[in-house]
C-alpha atoms as a PDB file:
ATOM      1  CA  MET A   1     170.795 -20.608   0.560  1.00  0.00           C
ATOM      2  CA  ASN A   2     173.901 -23.169   0.976  1.00  0.00           C
ATOM      3  CA  VAL A   3     177.093 -22.398  -0.075  1.00  0.00           C
ATOM      4  CA  ASN A   4     180.000 -24.923   0.358  1.00  0.00           C
ATOM      5  CA  GLY A   5     178.287 -26.511   3.795  1.00  0.00           C
ATOM      6  CA  TYR A   6     177.186 -23.354   4.794  1.00  0.00           C
ATOM      7  CA  GLU A   7     173.221 -21.926   4.914  1.00  0.00           C
ATOM      8  CA  THR A   8     173.190 -18.088   3.845  1.00  0.00           C
ATOM      9  CA  MET A   9     170.604 -15.706   4.180  1.00  0.00           C
ATOM     10  CA  ASN A  10     169.712 -11.940   3.649  1.00  0.00           C
ATOM     11  CA  ILE A  11     170.435  -9.538   6.381  1.00  0.00           C
ATOM     12  CA  THR A  12     169.784  -5.944   5.809  1.00  0.00           C
ATOM     13  CA  SER A  13     171.778  -3.970   7.902  1.00  0.00           C
ATOM     14  CA  THR A  14     175.257  -5.563   9.593  1.00  0.00           C
ATOM     15  CA  GLN A  15     178.429  -3.839  10.159  1.00  0.00           C
ATOM     16  CA  PHE A  16     180.410  -6.518   8.279  1.00  0.00           C
ATOM     17  CA  ALA A  17     180.378  -8.757   5.120  1.00  0.00           C
ATOM     18  CA  ILE A  18     180.954 -12.007   4.543  1.00  0.00           C
ATOM     19  CA  GLY A  19     184.528 -12.350   3.059  1.00  0.00           C
ATOM     20  CA  GLN A  20     185.501  -9.586   5.143  1.00  0.00           C
ATOM     21  CA  VAL A  21     188.953 -10.415   7.865  1.00  0.00           C
ATOM     22  CA  VAL A  22     188.266  -9.350  10.836  1.00  0.00           C
ATOM     23  CA  ARG A  23     189.674  -9.746  14.836  1.00  0.00           C
ATOM     24  CA  HIS A  24     188.168 -10.097  18.053  1.00  0.00           C
ATOM     25  CA  ARG A  25     187.974  -7.432  20.180  1.00  0.00           C
ATOM     26  CA  SER A  26     189.357  -8.151  23.348  1.00  0.00           C
ATOM     27  CA  TYR A  27     190.494 -12.276  22.533  1.00  0.00           C
ATOM     28  CA  PRO A  28     193.364 -13.249  20.384  1.00  0.00           C
ATOM     29  CA  PHE A  29     192.152 -14.232  17.333  1.00  0.00           C
ATOM     30  CA  ARG A  30     190.919 -13.242  13.755  1.00  0.00           C
ATOM     31  CA  GLY A  31     188.918 -14.774  10.990  1.00  0.00           C
ATOM     32  CA  VAL A  32     186.938 -14.364   7.872  1.00  0.00           C
ATOM     33  CA  ILE A  33     182.793 -14.156   7.842  1.00  0.00           C
ATOM     34  CA  VAL A  34     181.367 -16.877   5.807  1.00  0.00           C
ATOM     35  CA  ASP A  35     177.440 -16.463   7.369  1.00  0.00           C
ATOM     36  CA  VAL A  36     175.678 -13.933   9.566  1.00  0.00           C
ATOM     37  CA  ASP A  37     172.597 -14.752  11.795  1.00  0.00           C
ATOM     38  CA  PRO A  38     170.368 -11.612  12.313  1.00  0.00           C
ATOM     39  CA  GLU A  39     170.452 -11.938  16.175  1.00  0.00           C
ATOM     40  CA  PHE A  40     171.638 -14.610  18.689  1.00  0.00           C
ATOM     41  CA  SER A  41     170.946 -18.287  17.281  1.00  0.00           C
ATOM     42  CA  ASN A  42     173.331 -20.675  19.303  1.00  0.00           C
ATOM     43  CA  THR A  43     172.104 -23.064  22.082  1.00  0.00           C
ATOM     44  CA  GLU A  44     171.413 -21.881  25.327  1.00  0.00           C
ATOM     45  CA  GLU A  45     174.050 -24.267  26.365  1.00  0.00           C
ATOM     46  CA  TRP A  46     176.616 -22.265  24.705  1.00  0.00           C
ATOM     47  CA  TRP A  47     175.435 -18.803  25.971  1.00  0.00           C
ATOM     48  CA  GLN A  48     175.382 -19.770  29.234  1.00  0.00           C
ATOM     49  CA  SER A  49     179.261 -21.240  29.076  1.00  0.00           C
ATOM     50  CA  ILE A  50     179.890 -17.479  28.328  1.00  0.00           C
ATOM     51  CA  PRO A  51     180.845 -15.469  31.762  1.00  0.00           C
ATOM     52  CA  GLU A  52     177.984 -13.102  32.601  1.00  0.00           C
ATOM     53  CA  GLN A  53     179.687 -10.447  32.741  1.00  0.00           C
ATOM     54  CA  ASP A  54     181.331 -10.891  29.431  1.00  0.00           C
ATOM     55  CA  ARG A  55     178.013 -11.941  27.159  1.00  0.00           C
ATOM     56  CA  PRO A  56     177.182 -10.170  24.580  1.00  0.00           C
ATOM     57  CA  ARG A  57     173.524  -8.837  23.909  1.00  0.00           C
ATOM     58  CA  ARG A  58     171.626 -11.128  21.849  1.00  0.00           C
ATOM     59  CA  ASP A  59     169.561  -8.789  19.680  1.00  0.00           C
ATOM     60  CA  GLN A  60     172.656  -8.473  17.519  1.00  0.00           C
ATOM     61  CA  PRO A  61     174.072 -10.128  14.190  1.00  0.00           C
ATOM     62  CA  PHE A  62     176.598 -12.919  15.540  1.00  0.00           C
ATOM     63  CA  TYR A  63     178.799 -14.040  13.150  1.00  0.00           C
ATOM     64  CA  HIS A  64     180.038 -17.382  11.859  1.00  0.00           C
ATOM     65  CA  LEU A  65     184.176 -17.608  11.047  1.00  0.00           C
ATOM     66  CA  LEU A  66     186.712 -19.257   9.837  1.00  0.00           C
ATOM     67  CA  ALA A  67     188.720 -18.193  12.529  1.00  0.00           C
ATOM     68  CA  GLU A  68     192.447 -18.760  13.862  1.00  0.00           C
ATOM     69  CA  ASN A  69     195.050 -17.868  16.534  1.00  0.00           C
ATOM     70  CA  ASP A  70     198.396 -18.555  16.929  1.00  0.00           C
ATOM     71  CA  SER A  71     197.999 -22.115  17.768  1.00  0.00           C
ATOM     72  CA  ALA A  72     195.070 -23.178  15.923  1.00  0.00           C
ATOM     73  CA  ALA A  73     192.417 -23.148  13.649  1.00  0.00           C
ATOM     74  CA  TYR A  74     188.639 -23.614  14.374  1.00  0.00           C
ATOM     75  CA  HIS A  75     185.321 -22.082  13.761  1.00  0.00           C
ATOM     76  CA  ALA A  76     183.593 -19.009  15.732  1.00  0.00           C
ATOM     77  CA  TYR A  77     180.575 -17.722  16.542  1.00  0.00           C
ATOM     78  CA  VAL A  78     181.115 -14.361  17.722  1.00  0.00           C
ATOM     79  CA  SER A  79     178.403 -11.189  18.101  1.00  0.00           C
ATOM     80  CA  GLU A  80     179.101  -7.789  16.435  1.00  0.00           C
ATOM     81  CA  GLN A  81     179.742  -5.961  19.338  1.00  0.00           C
ATOM     82  CA  ASN A  82     182.988  -7.700  19.831  1.00  0.00           C
ATOM     83  CA  LEU A  83     184.740  -7.694  16.007  1.00  0.00           C
ATOM     84  CA  LEU A  84     186.933  -5.319  14.678  1.00  0.00           C
ATOM     85  CA  VAL A  85     188.186  -4.783  11.397  1.00  0.00           C
ATOM     86  CA  ASP A  86     191.212  -6.744  10.727  1.00  0.00           C
ATOM     87  CA  ASP A  87     193.700  -4.095   9.163  1.00  0.00           C
ATOM     88  CA  SER A  88     196.759  -6.614   8.984  1.00  0.00           C
ATOM     89  CA  GLY A  89     196.778  -7.184   5.571  1.00  0.00           C
ATOM     90  CA  GLU A  90     198.130 -10.737   6.069  1.00  0.00           C
ATOM     91  CA  PRO A  91     196.165 -14.012   4.758  1.00  0.00           C
ATOM     92  CA  LEU A  92     194.590 -15.668   7.165  1.00  0.00           C
ATOM     93  CA  LYS A  93     196.303 -19.881   7.598  1.00  0.00           C
ATOM     94  CA  ASN A  94     193.161 -21.944   8.068  1.00  0.00           C
ATOM     95  CA  PRO A  95     192.956 -24.257   5.730  1.00  0.00           C
ATOM     96  CA  GLU A  96     189.367 -24.362   5.054  1.00  0.00           C
ATOM     97  CA  VAL A  97     189.580 -20.646   3.712  1.00  0.00           C
ATOM     98  CA  ALA A  98     191.234 -21.679   0.259  1.00  0.00           C
ATOM     99  CA  GLU A  99     187.974 -24.193   0.326  1.00  0.00           C
ATOM    100  CA  VAL A 100     185.340 -21.493   0.712  1.00  0.00           C
ATOM    101  CA  PHE A 101     186.997 -18.435  -1.115  1.00  0.00           C
ATOM    102  CA  GLY A 102     189.179 -16.847  -3.854  1.00  0.00           C
ATOM    103  CA  GLU A 103     192.360 -14.363  -3.731  1.00  0.00           C
ATOM    104  CA  PHE A 104     192.976 -12.660  -0.876  1.00  0.00           C
ATOM    105  CA  ARG A 105     192.372  -8.881  -1.380  1.00  0.00           C
ATOM    106  CA  GLY A 106     194.181  -7.406   1.407  1.00  0.00           C
ATOM    107  CA  ASP A 107     191.030  -7.329   3.908  1.00  0.00           C
ATOM    108  CA  SER A 108     188.966  -9.706   2.186  1.00  0.00           C
ATOM    109  CA  TYR A 109     188.665 -12.694   0.162  1.00  0.00           C
ATOM    110  CA  ALA A 110     186.748 -12.819  -2.986  1.00  0.00           C
ATOM    111  CA  LEU A 111     183.239 -14.195  -2.929  1.00  0.00           C
ATOM    112  CA  PRO A 112     182.793 -17.819  -4.784  1.00  0.00           C
ATOM    113  CA  ALA A 113     180.281 -17.075  -7.655  1.00  0.00           C
ATOM    114  CA  SER A 114     177.815 -19.123  -5.388  1.00  0.00           C
ATOM    115  CA  TYR A 115     177.615 -16.373  -3.193  1.00  0.00           C
ATOM    116  CA  ARG A 116     177.110 -13.638  -5.952  1.00  0.00           C
ATOM    117  CA  ASN A 117     173.217 -12.571  -7.321  1.00  0.00           C
END
């Protein structure tokens, strides 16, 4: 399914959900999940750009985020093992969030009707 330019798919077992606000375990950024890959599905070049000692396992869900840090808004691709629930209660400032999701609900964003079955 294609929703607002993002390809979506059904995955049966993930720790996080589309619309949920998360933060990175090691780096100072947070974001909202817009899609999930059941396992690593990016380029080998992207994989090799990660220092070997920091590379996550490939055999786990990877999340597409509309992310932000203190200075920029961007897209991020992050392994499940590197994400934590963001409990700040603060909405994201990334301008793309409003193009994809509905209202902020404290820890997640309302899904548009096109995401629902």
